[in-house]
Amino acid sequence: MLIVVRHGRTEANARGLLLGRADPDLDAEGEAQAVAVAGWIGPVDRVVTSPLRRAVRTAAAFAGEVEVDDRWIELDYGTWDGRPVADIPADAWRRWRTDPDFAPPGGESHAALLARVVAAGTELVAEAAERDIVVVTHVSPIKAVVAWALDAGHASMARTRVGQPSVTRIAAGSHGPVLVTFNGVPPG
């Protein structure tokens, strides 16, 4: 099973800021969330993570070696990074949500995000038919991996909300990835 986990909370998450390539650590709540989600999932065969500290720290809550894969890094929000959504001009936000090739100034498009996440997921899904693989990542890559599993494309990404922490499970089906669960959270 491919088990995709959103990292624990950071202070910026708690404040409702867009958090892309900025690299804050987990706050105390985020550390507790990392321990809870790792305990809820239990032992796994492999752990892969985004290179950002909040993901690496969450991945460390799982026993064993942690592999870093840059393709699981959060979307690059460019100049929008660290800003509240309310500060983004409405027209720009609407375009970003509807045009897969639109990128924030200095940032990354959803099309580019989807391409790198699909490549990373495709490399893991066959192995995930035989072993449990955890990938610790961020909101946008999780939305992209769900779009990939559903063969739904960019439009579906704006129609999902990813909790923190959350667990999405993807199986290897006979014709590609299959979404098994989405946005599960540890009890408590």
N, C-alpha and C. Protein backbone atom coordinates (compact mmCIF):
# COMPACT_ATOMS: atom_id res chain seq x y z
N MET A 1 0.85 -1.19 0.00
CA MET A 1 0.00 0.00 0.00
C MET A 1 0.89 1.24 0.00
N LEU A 2 0.52 2.22 -0.78
CA LEU A 2 1.17 3.52 -0.77
C LEU A 2 0.38 4.38 0.21
N ILE A 3 1.03 4.78 1.30
CA ILE A 3 0.38 5.51 2.39
C ILE A 3 0.96 6.93 2.38
N VAL A 4 0.15 7.88 1.97
CA VAL A 4 0.62 9.26 1.80
C VAL A 4 0.14 10.08 3.00
N VAL A 5 1.11 10.66 3.71
CA VAL A 5 0.84 11.34 4.97
C VAL A 5 1.15 12.83 4.84
N ARG A 6 0.23 13.67 5.30
CA ARG A 6 0.55 15.10 5.40
C ARG A 6 1.30 15.31 6.71
N HIS A 7 2.35 16.13 6.65
CA HIS A 7 3.18 16.42 7.82
C HIS A 7 2.38 17.04 8.96
N GLY A 8 2.97 17.04 10.15
CA GLY A 8 2.36 17.69 11.30
C GLY A 8 2.38 19.21 11.16
N ARG A 9 1.68 19.86 12.07
CA ARG A 9 1.46 21.30 12.02
C ARG A 9 2.72 22.11 12.32
N THR A 10 2.80 23.25 11.68
CA THR A 10 3.82 24.26 11.97
C THR A 10 3.11 25.51 12.47
N GLU A 11 3.86 26.44 13.02
CA GLU A 11 3.26 27.71 13.45
C GLU A 11 2.61 28.43 12.27
N ALA A 12 3.26 28.39 11.10
CA ALA A 12 2.69 29.03 9.91
C ALA A 12 1.36 28.39 9.52
N ASN A 13 1.26 27.05 9.62
CA ASN A 13 -0.01 26.37 9.35
C ASN A 13 -1.08 26.85 10.32
N ALA A 14 -0.72 26.93 11.59
CA ALA A 14 -1.67 27.36 12.61
C ALA A 14 -2.18 28.77 12.35
N ARG A 15 -1.34 29.60 11.74
CA ARG A 15 -1.71 30.99 11.44
C ARG A 15 -2.44 31.12 10.11
N GLY A 16 -2.60 30.01 9.36
CA GLY A 16 -3.34 30.04 8.11
C GLY A 16 -2.57 30.63 6.94
N LEU A 17 -1.25 30.57 6.99
CA LEU A 17 -0.43 31.14 5.92
C LEU A 17 -0.16 30.10 4.83
N LEU A 18 -0.02 30.57 3.59
CA LEU A 18 0.43 29.68 2.52
C LEU A 18 1.85 29.26 2.85
N LEU A 19 2.10 27.98 2.80
CA LEU A 19 3.41 27.48 3.20
C LEU A 19 3.91 26.55 2.11
N GLY A 20 4.78 27.07 1.27
CA GLY A 20 5.34 26.30 0.17
C GLY A 20 6.74 25.84 0.49
N ARG A 21 7.72 26.54 -0.05
CA ARG A 21 9.12 26.13 0.10
C ARG A 21 9.78 26.70 1.35
N ALA A 22 9.09 27.59 2.06
CA ALA A 22 9.62 28.03 3.36
C ALA A 22 9.81 26.77 4.20
N ASP A 23 10.73 26.80 5.14
CA ASP A 23 11.11 25.56 5.81
C ASP A 23 11.03 25.62 7.34
N PRO A 24 9.85 25.96 7.88
CA PRO A 24 9.74 25.96 9.34
C PRO A 24 9.66 24.53 9.88
N ASP A 25 10.00 24.42 11.14
CA ASP A 25 9.92 23.14 11.83
C ASP A 25 8.50 22.93 12.35
N LEU A 26 8.23 21.73 12.82
CA LEU A 26 6.95 21.45 13.47
C LEU A 26 6.85 22.25 14.76
N ASP A 27 5.63 22.65 15.13
CA ASP A 27 5.43 23.20 16.46
C ASP A 27 5.12 22.04 17.41
N ALA A 28 4.85 22.33 18.67
CA ALA A 28 4.61 21.25 19.65
C ALA A 28 3.42 20.39 19.24
N GLU A 29 2.38 21.00 18.73
CA GLU A 29 1.21 20.25 18.26
C GLU A 29 1.59 19.36 17.08
N GLY A 30 2.39 19.88 16.18
CA GLY A 30 2.85 19.11 15.02
C GLY A 30 3.68 17.90 15.41
N GLU A 31 4.52 18.06 16.42
CA GLU A 31 5.31 16.92 16.90
C GLU A 31 4.40 15.83 17.47
N ALA A 32 3.39 16.24 18.23
CA ALA A 32 2.43 15.27 18.78
C ALA A 32 1.65 14.59 17.65
N GLN A 33 1.29 15.36 16.62
CA GLN A 33 0.58 14.79 15.48
C GLN A 33 1.45 13.76 14.75
N ALA A 34 2.73 14.05 14.59
CA ALA A 34 3.64 13.12 13.91
C ALA A 34 3.70 11.80 14.66
N VAL A 35 3.84 11.86 15.96
CA VAL A 35 3.89 10.64 16.77
C VAL A 35 2.56 9.89 16.68
N ALA A 36 1.45 10.62 16.73
CA ALA A 36 0.13 9.98 16.67
C ALA A 36 -0.11 9.29 15.32
N VAL A 37 0.23 9.96 14.22
CA VAL A 37 -0.02 9.36 12.92
C VAL A 37 0.88 8.16 12.68
N ALA A 38 2.13 8.22 13.12
CA ALA A 38 3.03 7.07 12.97
C ALA A 38 2.53 5.89 13.80
N GLY A 39 2.06 6.16 15.01
CA GLY A 39 1.51 5.09 15.84
C GLY A 39 0.24 4.50 15.26
N TRP A 40 -0.58 5.33 14.67
CA TRP A 40 -1.84 4.89 14.07
C TRP A 40 -1.58 3.99 12.86
N ILE A 41 -0.62 4.36 12.03
CA ILE A 41 -0.29 3.56 10.84
C ILE A 41 0.44 2.29 11.23
N GLY A 42 1.35 2.38 12.20
CA GLY A 42 2.11 1.21 12.63
C GLY A 42 3.32 0.96 11.75
N PRO A 43 3.91 -0.22 11.86
CA PRO A 43 5.15 -0.52 11.13
C PRO A 43 4.93 -0.50 9.62
N VAL A 44 5.92 0.01 8.91
CA VAL A 44 5.91 0.04 7.44
C VAL A 44 7.25 -0.45 6.93
N ASP A 45 7.31 -0.73 5.65
CA ASP A 45 8.53 -1.27 5.05
C ASP A 45 9.49 -0.20 4.56
N ARG A 46 8.96 0.97 4.22
CA ARG A 46 9.79 2.02 3.63
C ARG A 46 9.17 3.37 3.94
N VAL A 47 10.02 4.38 4.19
CA VAL A 47 9.55 5.74 4.44
C VAL A 47 10.29 6.69 3.50
N VAL A 48 9.50 7.45 2.74
CA VAL A 48 10.02 8.44 1.80
C VAL A 48 9.45 9.79 2.23
N THR A 49 10.23 10.85 2.08
CA THR A 49 9.76 12.16 2.52
C THR A 49 10.21 13.28 1.59
N SER A 50 9.47 14.35 1.65
CA SER A 50 9.88 15.63 1.08
C SER A 50 11.13 16.08 1.82
N PRO A 51 11.95 16.94 1.22
CA PRO A 51 13.14 17.41 1.92
C PRO A 51 12.88 18.50 2.95
N LEU A 52 11.67 19.04 3.00
CA LEU A 52 11.41 20.13 3.93
C LEU A 52 11.32 19.62 5.37
N ARG A 53 11.83 20.41 6.30
CA ARG A 53 12.00 20.01 7.69
C ARG A 53 10.70 19.48 8.32
N ARG A 54 9.58 20.12 8.05
CA ARG A 54 8.32 19.69 8.65
C ARG A 54 7.95 18.27 8.23
N ALA A 55 8.28 17.90 7.00
CA ALA A 55 8.02 16.55 6.52
C ALA A 55 9.05 15.56 7.06
N VAL A 56 10.32 15.96 7.03
CA VAL A 56 11.39 15.09 7.53
C VAL A 56 11.15 14.76 9.00
N ARG A 57 10.75 15.76 9.78
CA ARG A 57 10.51 15.52 11.21
C ARG A 57 9.31 14.60 11.43
N THR A 58 8.29 14.74 10.59
CA THR A 58 7.15 13.83 10.69
C THR A 58 7.58 12.42 10.30
N ALA A 59 8.35 12.29 9.23
CA ALA A 59 8.83 10.98 8.78
C ALA A 59 9.68 10.29 9.84
N ALA A 60 10.41 11.08 10.61
CA ALA A 60 11.28 10.51 11.66
C ALA A 60 10.48 9.81 12.74
N ALA A 61 9.20 10.09 12.85
CA ALA A 61 8.37 9.42 13.86
C ALA A 61 8.13 7.94 13.51
N PHE A 62 8.36 7.59 12.24
CA PHE A 62 8.25 6.20 11.82
C PHE A 62 9.60 5.54 12.07
N ALA A 63 9.58 4.29 12.48
CA ALA A 63 10.84 3.58 12.74
C ALA A 63 11.55 3.29 11.43
N GLY A 64 12.86 3.35 11.44
CA GLY A 64 13.64 2.97 10.28
C GLY A 64 14.23 4.13 9.52
N GLU A 65 14.91 3.78 8.45
CA GLU A 65 15.58 4.75 7.59
C GLU A 65 14.56 5.59 6.83
N VAL A 66 14.88 6.86 6.65
CA VAL A 66 14.02 7.78 5.91
C VAL A 66 14.75 8.22 4.66
N GLU A 67 14.11 8.07 3.50
CA GLU A 67 14.67 8.49 2.21
C GLU A 67 14.05 9.82 1.80
N VAL A 68 14.86 10.74 1.32
CA VAL A 68 14.37 12.03 0.85
C VAL A 68 14.22 11.96 -0.67
N ASP A 69 13.06 12.39 -1.15
CA ASP A 69 12.79 12.49 -2.58
C ASP A 69 12.24 13.89 -2.85
N ASP A 70 13.01 14.71 -3.54
CA ASP A 70 12.65 16.10 -3.80
C ASP A 70 11.34 16.26 -4.55
N ARG A 71 10.90 15.25 -5.25
CA ARG A 71 9.65 15.37 -6.02
C ARG A 71 8.42 15.48 -5.13
N TRP A 72 8.55 15.14 -3.85
CA TRP A 72 7.43 15.23 -2.93
C TRP A 72 7.39 16.57 -2.19
N ILE A 73 8.26 17.51 -2.56
CA ILE A 73 8.29 18.83 -1.92
C ILE A 73 6.99 19.58 -2.22
N GLU A 74 6.65 20.52 -1.36
CA GLU A 74 5.43 21.32 -1.54
C GLU A 74 5.54 22.18 -2.80
N LEU A 75 4.39 22.56 -3.32
CA LEU A 75 4.31 23.49 -4.44
C LEU A 75 5.08 24.76 -4.10
N ASP A 76 5.76 25.30 -5.07
CA ASP A 76 6.47 26.56 -4.88
C ASP A 76 5.49 27.71 -5.10
N TYR A 77 5.12 28.38 -4.02
CA TYR A 77 4.18 29.50 -4.10
C TYR A 77 4.86 30.80 -4.52
N GLY A 78 6.16 30.77 -4.74
CA GLY A 78 6.86 31.98 -5.15
C GLY A 78 6.66 33.11 -4.16
N THR A 79 6.26 34.27 -4.67
CA THR A 79 6.09 35.45 -3.80
C THR A 79 4.87 35.34 -2.89
N TRP A 80 4.04 34.35 -3.12
CA TRP A 80 2.88 34.15 -2.25
C TRP A 80 3.24 33.39 -0.97
N ASP A 81 4.39 32.77 -0.93
CA ASP A 81 4.79 31.96 0.23
C ASP A 81 4.79 32.80 1.50
N GLY A 82 4.17 32.27 2.54
CA GLY A 82 4.13 32.94 3.83
C GLY A 82 3.03 33.98 3.97
N ARG A 83 2.18 34.10 2.96
CA ARG A 83 1.12 35.10 3.00
C ARG A 83 -0.23 34.43 3.28
N PRO A 84 -1.16 35.14 3.91
CA PRO A 84 -2.51 34.59 4.04
C PRO A 84 -3.20 34.58 2.67
N VAL A 85 -4.06 33.60 2.45
CA VAL A 85 -4.78 33.51 1.19
C VAL A 85 -5.55 34.81 0.92
N ALA A 86 -6.08 35.42 1.97
CA ALA A 86 -6.86 36.66 1.83
C ALA A 86 -6.04 37.80 1.22
N ASP A 87 -4.72 37.72 1.29
CA ASP A 87 -3.85 38.76 0.72
C ASP A 87 -3.57 38.56 -0.77
N ILE A 88 -3.96 37.43 -1.32
CA ILE A 88 -3.73 37.15 -2.73
C ILE A 88 -4.89 37.78 -3.52
N PRO A 89 -4.61 38.55 -4.56
CA PRO A 89 -5.68 39.15 -5.36
C PRO A 89 -6.66 38.07 -5.85
N ALA A 90 -7.95 38.32 -5.73
CA ALA A 90 -8.99 37.34 -6.07
C ALA A 90 -8.85 36.81 -7.49
N ASP A 91 -8.56 37.68 -8.45
CA ASP A 91 -8.42 37.23 -9.84
C ASP A 91 -7.24 36.27 -10.00
N ALA A 92 -6.13 36.58 -9.34
CA ALA A 92 -4.96 35.70 -9.41
C ALA A 92 -5.26 34.36 -8.75
N TRP A 93 -5.92 34.39 -7.61
CA TRP A 93 -6.26 33.14 -6.91
C TRP A 93 -7.19 32.29 -7.76
N ARG A 94 -8.19 32.90 -8.37
CA ARG A 94 -9.14 32.18 -9.23
C ARG A 94 -8.40 31.55 -10.43
N ARG A 95 -7.51 32.32 -11.04
CA ARG A 95 -6.76 31.80 -12.18
C ARG A 95 -5.87 30.64 -11.76
N TRP A 96 -5.23 30.77 -10.59
CA TRP A 96 -4.37 29.72 -10.10
C TRP A 96 -5.15 28.42 -9.88
N ARG A 97 -6.39 28.54 -9.43
CA ARG A 97 -7.21 27.36 -9.16
C ARG A 97 -7.78 26.73 -10.43
N THR A 98 -7.87 27.49 -11.53
CA THR A 98 -8.53 26.97 -12.73
C THR A 98 -7.60 26.72 -13.90
N ASP A 99 -6.46 27.36 -13.94
CA ASP A 99 -5.53 27.23 -15.06
C ASP A 99 -4.31 26.42 -14.62
N PRO A 100 -4.18 25.17 -15.09
CA PRO A 100 -3.07 24.32 -14.62
C PRO A 100 -1.69 24.87 -14.96
N ASP A 101 -1.60 25.76 -15.94
CA ASP A 101 -0.30 26.30 -16.33
C ASP A 101 0.05 27.62 -15.66
N PHE A 102 -0.89 28.16 -14.90
CA PHE A 102 -0.64 29.42 -14.20
C PHE A 102 0.26 29.15 -12.99
N ALA A 103 1.24 30.01 -12.77
CA ALA A 103 2.11 29.90 -11.59
C ALA A 103 2.13 31.25 -10.88
N PRO A 104 2.15 31.24 -9.56
CA PRO A 104 2.33 32.50 -8.83
C PRO A 104 3.65 33.12 -9.25
N PRO A 105 3.81 34.43 -9.11
CA PRO A 105 5.08 35.06 -9.48
C PRO A 105 6.26 34.37 -8.79
N GLY A 106 7.20 33.87 -9.60
CA GLY A 106 8.37 33.18 -9.06
C GLY A 106 8.08 31.77 -8.58
N GLY A 107 6.87 31.24 -8.84
CA GLY A 107 6.48 29.94 -8.30
C GLY A 107 6.29 28.87 -9.36
N GLU A 108 5.52 27.87 -9.01
CA GLU A 108 5.36 26.66 -9.80
C GLU A 108 3.89 26.47 -10.17
N SER A 109 3.63 25.96 -11.36
CA SER A 109 2.26 25.69 -11.79
C SER A 109 1.78 24.34 -11.24
N HIS A 110 0.47 24.17 -11.24
CA HIS A 110 -0.10 22.88 -10.86
C HIS A 110 0.29 21.80 -11.87
N ALA A 111 0.42 22.17 -13.14
CA ALA A 111 0.82 21.19 -14.16
C ALA A 111 2.21 20.63 -13.85
N ALA A 112 3.13 21.51 -13.46
CA ALA A 112 4.48 21.05 -13.12
C ALA A 112 4.46 20.18 -11.87
N LEU A 113 3.68 20.59 -10.87
CA LEU A 113 3.53 19.79 -9.64
C LEU A 113 2.99 18.42 -9.97
N LEU A 114 1.91 18.38 -10.73
CA LEU A 114 1.28 17.11 -11.07
C LEU A 114 2.25 16.19 -11.81
N ALA A 115 3.03 16.73 -12.73
CA ALA A 115 3.99 15.91 -13.48
C ALA A 115 5.02 15.27 -12.56
N ARG A 116 5.56 16.03 -11.62
CA ARG A 116 6.61 15.45 -10.76
C ARG A 116 6.04 14.46 -9.75
N VAL A 117 4.83 14.73 -9.25
CA VAL A 117 4.21 13.81 -8.29
C VAL A 117 3.78 12.52 -8.97
N VAL A 118 3.23 12.62 -10.17
CA VAL A 118 2.85 11.40 -10.91
C VAL A 118 4.08 10.55 -11.18
N ALA A 119 5.19 11.18 -11.56
CA ALA A 119 6.43 10.41 -11.79
C ALA A 119 6.88 9.71 -10.51
N ALA A 120 6.85 10.41 -9.40
CA ALA A 120 7.26 9.82 -8.12
C ALA A 120 6.30 8.70 -7.70
N GLY A 121 5.01 8.93 -7.82
CA GLY A 121 4.02 7.91 -7.45
C GLY A 121 4.10 6.68 -8.33
N THR A 122 4.31 6.90 -9.62
CA THR A 122 4.42 5.79 -10.56
C THR A 122 5.60 4.88 -10.20
N GLU A 123 6.69 5.49 -9.77
CA GLU A 123 7.86 4.68 -9.38
C GLU A 123 7.59 3.84 -8.14
N LEU A 124 6.68 4.29 -7.28
CA LEU A 124 6.44 3.58 -6.02
C LEU A 124 5.27 2.60 -6.05
N VAL A 125 4.30 2.82 -6.92
CA VAL A 125 3.06 2.07 -6.81
C VAL A 125 3.23 0.57 -7.04
N ALA A 126 4.10 0.15 -7.94
CA ALA A 126 4.29 -1.29 -8.16
C ALA A 126 4.87 -1.94 -6.90
N GLU A 127 5.86 -1.28 -6.30
CA GLU A 127 6.42 -1.81 -5.05
C GLU A 127 5.38 -1.83 -3.94
N ALA A 128 4.50 -0.82 -3.97
CA ALA A 128 3.46 -0.72 -2.93
C ALA A 128 2.42 -1.83 -3.04
N ALA A 129 2.43 -2.59 -4.12
CA ALA A 129 1.55 -3.75 -4.22
C ALA A 129 2.02 -4.86 -3.29
N GLU A 130 3.31 -4.84 -2.96
CA GLU A 130 3.90 -5.89 -2.14
C GLU A 130 4.31 -5.43 -0.74
N ARG A 131 4.53 -4.12 -0.58
CA ARG A 131 5.06 -3.59 0.68
C ARG A 131 4.32 -2.31 1.05
N ASP A 132 4.33 -1.98 2.34
CA ASP A 132 3.74 -0.72 2.79
C ASP A 132 4.80 0.37 2.73
N ILE A 133 4.51 1.41 1.94
CA ILE A 133 5.42 2.54 1.77
C ILE A 133 4.72 3.80 2.24
N VAL A 134 5.33 4.50 3.19
CA VAL A 134 4.82 5.79 3.64
C VAL A 134 5.56 6.88 2.88
N VAL A 135 4.81 7.86 2.39
CA VAL A 135 5.38 9.07 1.81
C VAL A 135 4.87 10.23 2.64
N VAL A 136 5.78 10.98 3.26
CA VAL A 136 5.39 12.15 4.04
C VAL A 136 5.59 13.37 3.16
N THR A 137 4.51 14.12 2.97
CA THR A 137 4.54 15.23 2.04
C THR A 137 3.62 16.35 2.51
N HIS A 138 3.06 17.10 1.57
CA HIS A 138 2.36 18.35 1.84
C HIS A 138 1.00 18.37 1.13
N VAL A 139 0.24 19.42 1.38
CA VAL A 139 -1.10 19.55 0.83
C VAL A 139 -1.14 19.36 -0.69
N SER A 140 -0.38 20.16 -1.42
CA SER A 140 -0.49 20.14 -2.88
C SER A 140 -0.05 18.81 -3.49
N PRO A 141 1.07 18.21 -3.06
CA PRO A 141 1.39 16.89 -3.60
C PRO A 141 0.34 15.83 -3.27
N ILE A 142 -0.32 15.94 -2.11
CA ILE A 142 -1.38 14.98 -1.79
C ILE A 142 -2.55 15.17 -2.74
N LYS A 143 -2.93 16.42 -2.99
CA LYS A 143 -4.00 16.68 -3.95
C LYS A 143 -3.63 16.13 -5.33
N ALA A 144 -2.37 16.27 -5.71
CA ALA A 144 -1.90 15.78 -7.01
C ALA A 144 -1.92 14.25 -7.06
N VAL A 145 -1.52 13.58 -5.99
CA VAL A 145 -1.50 12.12 -6.00
C VAL A 145 -2.93 11.57 -6.03
N VAL A 146 -3.87 12.27 -5.40
CA VAL A 146 -5.28 11.87 -5.45
C VAL A 146 -5.81 12.05 -6.88
N ALA A 147 -5.49 13.18 -7.51
CA ALA A 147 -5.91 13.42 -8.90
C ALA A 147 -5.36 12.33 -9.81
N TRP A 148 -4.11 11.94 -9.58
CA TRP A 148 -3.49 10.86 -10.35
C TRP A 148 -4.23 9.54 -10.14
N ALA A 149 -4.49 9.19 -8.90
CA ALA A 149 -5.16 7.92 -8.61
C ALA A 149 -6.56 7.87 -9.22
N LEU A 150 -7.24 9.00 -9.24
CA LEU A 150 -8.60 9.06 -9.78
C LEU A 150 -8.62 9.36 -11.27
N ASP A 151 -7.44 9.61 -11.86
CA ASP A 151 -7.35 10.03 -13.25
C ASP A 151 -8.28 11.22 -13.50
N ALA A 152 -8.24 12.17 -12.54
CA ALA A 152 -9.18 13.29 -12.55
C ALA A 152 -8.56 14.60 -13.02
N GLY A 153 -7.24 14.68 -13.10
CA GLY A 153 -6.60 15.89 -13.58
C GLY A 153 -6.62 17.05 -12.60
N HIS A 154 -6.15 18.17 -13.09
CA HIS A 154 -5.95 19.38 -12.28
C HIS A 154 -7.23 19.88 -11.62
N ALA A 155 -8.34 19.83 -12.32
CA ALA A 155 -9.59 20.41 -11.80
C ALA A 155 -9.98 19.84 -10.45
N SER A 156 -9.69 18.58 -10.22
CA SER A 156 -10.07 17.95 -8.94
C SER A 156 -9.23 18.47 -7.77
N MET A 157 -8.06 19.01 -8.05
CA MET A 157 -7.17 19.44 -6.97
C MET A 157 -7.77 20.57 -6.15
N ALA A 158 -8.48 21.48 -6.80
CA ALA A 158 -9.08 22.61 -6.08
C ALA A 158 -10.33 22.18 -5.31
N ARG A 159 -10.78 20.97 -5.52
CA ARG A 159 -12.01 20.49 -4.89
C ARG A 159 -11.76 19.52 -3.74
N THR A 160 -10.53 19.49 -3.26
CA THR A 160 -10.21 18.64 -2.11
C THR A 160 -9.60 19.48 -1.00
N ARG A 161 -9.84 19.05 0.20
CA ARG A 161 -9.23 19.67 1.37
C ARG A 161 -8.46 18.58 2.10
N VAL A 162 -7.23 18.88 2.46
CA VAL A 162 -6.35 17.89 3.09
C VAL A 162 -6.11 18.31 4.53
N GLY A 163 -6.53 17.48 5.48
CA GLY A 163 -6.36 17.77 6.90
C GLY A 163 -4.92 17.58 7.36
N GLN A 164 -4.70 17.94 8.61
CA GLN A 164 -3.34 17.88 9.16
C GLN A 164 -3.36 17.24 10.54
N PRO A 165 -2.66 16.17 10.75
CA PRO A 165 -2.08 15.34 9.71
C PRO A 165 -3.20 14.53 9.07
N SER A 166 -2.98 13.96 7.94
CA SER A 166 -3.97 13.08 7.33
C SER A 166 -3.26 11.96 6.60
N VAL A 167 -4.03 10.91 6.34
CA VAL A 167 -3.50 9.73 5.68
C VAL A 167 -4.38 9.40 4.47
N THR A 168 -3.73 9.25 3.33
CA THR A 168 -4.40 8.84 2.09
C THR A 168 -3.73 7.55 1.65
N ARG A 169 -4.54 6.55 1.32
CA ARG A 169 -4.01 5.24 0.94
C ARG A 169 -4.33 4.96 -0.53
N ILE A 170 -3.30 4.53 -1.25
CA ILE A 170 -3.43 4.23 -2.66
C ILE A 170 -2.88 2.83 -2.90
N ALA A 171 -3.70 2.00 -3.55
CA ALA A 171 -3.29 0.63 -3.87
C ALA A 171 -2.87 0.55 -5.33
N ALA A 172 -2.13 -0.49 -5.64
CA ALA A 172 -1.77 -0.78 -7.02
C ALA A 172 -2.87 -1.64 -7.62
N GLY A 173 -3.65 -1.07 -8.53
CA GLY A 173 -4.70 -1.82 -9.20
C GLY A 173 -4.19 -2.44 -10.49
N SER A 174 -4.99 -3.26 -11.11
CA SER A 174 -4.57 -3.93 -12.36
C SER A 174 -4.40 -2.93 -13.51
N HIS A 175 -5.02 -1.75 -13.39
CA HIS A 175 -4.92 -0.75 -14.46
C HIS A 175 -4.34 0.56 -13.96
N GLY A 176 -3.62 0.50 -12.84
CA GLY A 176 -3.01 1.71 -12.30
C GLY A 176 -3.38 1.92 -10.85
N PRO A 177 -3.09 3.11 -10.33
CA PRO A 177 -3.35 3.38 -8.91
C PRO A 177 -4.85 3.44 -8.61
N VAL A 178 -5.19 3.05 -7.38
CA VAL A 178 -6.58 3.06 -6.93
C VAL A 178 -6.64 3.76 -5.58
N LEU A 179 -7.47 4.79 -5.47
CA LEU A 179 -7.65 5.48 -4.20
C LEU A 179 -8.46 4.58 -3.27
N VAL A 180 -7.88 4.26 -2.11
CA VAL A 180 -8.53 3.39 -1.14
C VAL A 180 -9.16 4.22 -0.03
N THR A 181 -8.40 5.16 0.54
CA THR A 181 -8.94 6.08 1.54
C THR A 181 -8.33 7.46 1.30
N PHE A 182 -9.05 8.49 1.72
CA PHE A 182 -8.58 9.85 1.56
C PHE A 182 -8.80 10.62 2.85
N ASN A 183 -7.76 11.32 3.30
CA ASN A 183 -7.89 12.29 4.38
C ASN A 183 -8.27 11.68 5.73
N GLY A 184 -7.83 10.46 5.98
CA GLY A 184 -8.08 9.85 7.27
C GLY A 184 -7.21 10.51 8.34
N VAL A 185 -7.74 10.60 9.54
CA VAL A 185 -6.97 11.19 10.65
C VAL A 185 -6.93 10.23 11.82
N PRO A 186 -5.82 10.24 12.55
CA PRO A 186 -5.72 9.37 13.72
C PRO A 186 -6.80 9.72 14.74
N PRO A 187 -7.31 8.73 15.45
CA PRO A 187 -8.31 9.02 16.48
C PRO A 187 -7.69 9.86 17.60
N GLY A 188 -8.54 10.63 18.22
CA GLY A 188 -8.07 11.39 19.38
C GLY A 188 -8.03 12.78 19.17
